[in-house]
Amino acid sequence: MSERSPPYRERVPACIHPETYKYYLERERVADVWRALEARYGRIEMKRAFHMMEISGEHLWLRSVVGGNPITVLRKRTFNQEMLEELHALLGYEQAERS
């Protein structure tokens, strides 16, 4: 994990999709962010055997360990720049200021 203050993201280099990132959130915002993600992208599924939570949306997957932070975002082929900007707004992430 980075020494930066959240929110920030880090690329996941070992993932099948080259544009996969982990987004690190401020601890006090995690529950609210997951509620917003669920309202926008669909129901949160708990994968208790793996201690994971996941939303499988039409254009992306959102995954995290139980607790919700960080969030791994895996893009599907239909994911586009407009969708990325909407996701960043929900996460409170500003790409222009961060990497």
Foldseek 3Di string as FASTA:
>chain_A
DDPDDDQAWDFDPVDPDRRKIWTFHDLVCQVVLVVVCCVVFHDWDQPPVVQKIWGDGPFWIWMDHPSRGTIIIGGDPPDDPVNVVVSCVSRVHDVVVHD
